[in-house]
Protein backbone atom coordinates (compact mmCIF):
# COMPACT_ATOMS: atom_id res chain seq x y z
CA MET A 1 0.10 -0.01 -0.01
CA ASN A 2 1.31 3.29 -0.85
CA PHE A 3 0.47 6.99 0.19
CA LYS A 4 -2.20 7.60 -2.12
CA GLN A 5 -4.23 4.14 -1.52
CA LEU A 6 -3.29 4.70 2.09
CA ASP A 7 -5.18 8.31 2.09
CA ASN A 8 -7.96 7.13 -0.17
CA TYR A 9 -8.90 4.31 2.06
CA ILE A 10 -8.94 6.42 5.29
CA LEU A 11 -10.95 9.34 3.51
CA SER A 12 -13.61 6.83 2.30
CA LYS A 13 -14.63 6.53 5.93
CA GLN A 14 -18.07 8.63 6.53
CA GLY A 15 -17.27 11.94 7.60
CA ALA A 16 -13.50 11.52 7.46
CA THR A 17 -11.53 14.70 7.06
CA PHE A 18 -7.68 15.80 7.39
CA ASP A 19 -5.75 18.80 8.27
CA TYR A 20 -2.35 19.61 9.14
CA PRO A 21 -2.19 20.87 12.70
CA PHE A 22 1.35 19.95 13.94
CA ASP A 23 3.55 20.95 10.58
CA GLU A 24 3.30 21.02 6.59
CA LYS A 25 4.06 16.92 6.48
CA VAL A 26 2.02 15.19 9.32
CA ARG A 27 -1.76 14.70 7.67
CA VAL A 28 -4.16 14.21 10.62
CA TYR A 29 -7.59 12.33 9.72
CA ARG A 30 -10.32 13.23 12.05
CA ILE A 31 -13.95 12.24 12.41
CA ALA A 32 -15.98 15.17 14.39
CA GLU A 33 -12.71 16.83 15.25
CA LYS A 34 -11.25 13.94 16.92
CA MET A 35 -8.13 12.36 15.54
CA PHE A 36 -8.40 8.69 14.29
CA ALA A 37 -5.23 8.32 12.10
CA LEU A 38 -2.03 10.25 11.43
CA THR A 39 0.58 9.67 8.60
CA ALA A 40 2.93 11.48 6.32
CA ASP A 41 4.21 11.02 2.63
CA GLU A 42 7.27 9.46 3.64
CA ILE A 43 9.64 6.72 3.50
CA PRO A 44 9.05 4.29 5.54
CA LEU A 45 5.39 5.12 4.93
CA GLU A 46 3.85 4.41 8.47
CA VAL A 47 0.37 5.61 10.04
CA ASN A 48 -0.36 5.92 13.85
CA LEU A 49 -3.75 4.43 14.53
CA LYS A 50 -5.76 4.34 17.73
CA CYS A 51 -6.51 0.94 18.98
CA ASP A 52 -8.11 -0.71 21.79
CA PRO A 53 -5.12 -1.46 24.71
CA ILE A 54 -5.05 -5.07 24.93
CA TYR A 55 -5.48 -5.75 20.90
CA ALA A 56 -2.77 -3.21 20.64
CA LEU A 57 -0.41 -5.10 22.78
CA GLU A 58 -1.64 -8.20 20.85
CA LEU A 59 -0.97 -6.79 17.69
CA ARG A 60 2.51 -5.73 18.69
CA SER A 61 3.32 -9.18 19.70
CA ILE A 62 2.57 -10.58 16.63
CA TYR A 63 3.67 -8.08 13.84
CA LYS A 64 7.16 -6.42 13.55
CA GLY A 65 5.74 -3.61 11.74
CA VAL A 66 3.38 -2.76 14.74
CA ARG A 67 4.83 -0.67 17.54
CA ALA A 68 3.69 1.68 20.28
CA GLY A 69 2.40 4.91 18.77
CA TYR A 70 5.45 7.34 17.95
CA HIS A 71 4.78 10.40 20.09
CA MET A 72 1.28 9.04 20.88
CA ASN A 73 -0.42 7.74 24.14
CA LYS A 74 1.47 4.36 23.87
CA LYS A 75 -1.60 2.35 25.23
CA HIS A 76 -3.85 3.72 23.02
CA TRP A 77 -1.96 4.00 19.62
CA ASN A 78 0.02 1.85 17.56
CA THR A 79 2.50 3.00 14.83
CA VAL A 80 2.11 0.64 11.64
CA THR A 81 4.69 0.54 9.34
CA LEU A 82 3.66 -0.15 5.45
CA THR A 83 7.16 -0.29 3.95
CA ASN A 84 8.73 -3.50 3.63
CA SER A 85 6.45 -4.77 6.58
CA ASP A 86 5.24 -7.96 7.64
CA ILE A 87 1.58 -6.72 7.95
CA ASP A 88 -0.60 -7.18 4.81
CA ASP A 89 -2.65 -4.22 3.09
CA GLU A 90 -5.80 -6.27 4.31
CA SER A 91 -4.74 -6.21 8.00
CA VAL A 92 -3.80 -2.40 7.55
CA LYS A 93 -7.38 -1.83 6.46
CA GLU A 94 -8.77 -3.70 9.20
CA LEU A 95 -6.74 -1.58 11.70
CA ILE A 96 -7.72 1.49 10.20
CA ASP A 97 -11.68 0.64 10.10
CA HIS A 98 -10.98 -0.47 13.99
CA SER A 99 -9.59 2.91 14.65
CA TYR A 100 -12.34 4.66 13.10
CA GLU A 101 -15.01 2.44 14.87
CA LEU A 102 -13.71 3.30 18.13
CA VAL A 103 -13.47 6.90 17.93
CA PHE A 104 -16.89 6.86 15.90
CA SER A 105 -18.24 4.82 18.99
CA LYS A 106 -17.25 7.64 21.46
CA LEU A 107 -19.16 10.40 19.73
CA THR A 108 -22.23 11.98 21.08
CA LYS A 109 -25.54 10.85 19.61
CA LYS A 110 -25.97 14.22 17.85
CA GLN A 111 -22.46 13.91 16.15
CA ARG A 112 -23.12 10.45 15.05
CA GLU A 113 -26.43 11.67 13.41
CA MET A 114 -24.98 14.85 11.76
CA LEU A 115 -22.25 12.40 9.84
């Protein structure tokens, strides 16, 4: 998966938007102003994704390409390496879905209805 494919998949999520709050490189994806993914168009291609804490530990033990979130809360975020990684594209999509659903489930009823 390359940056364009990653970006297209993340933005296919209902209500997903992005901005650059930190600098001109790091693209932050949000749903109702809440972050669910961060990435940059760099090599190696990596994406930070929100994750259930127990599932996050499990993923880190299975994949070399999944580690505690870089510059993020290590309990709730993973950094997933896509370049030359042992994690396949379908699994990356599942982790994006998981991150999105975690954040979506925490939105208020009004926020969910607006999407």
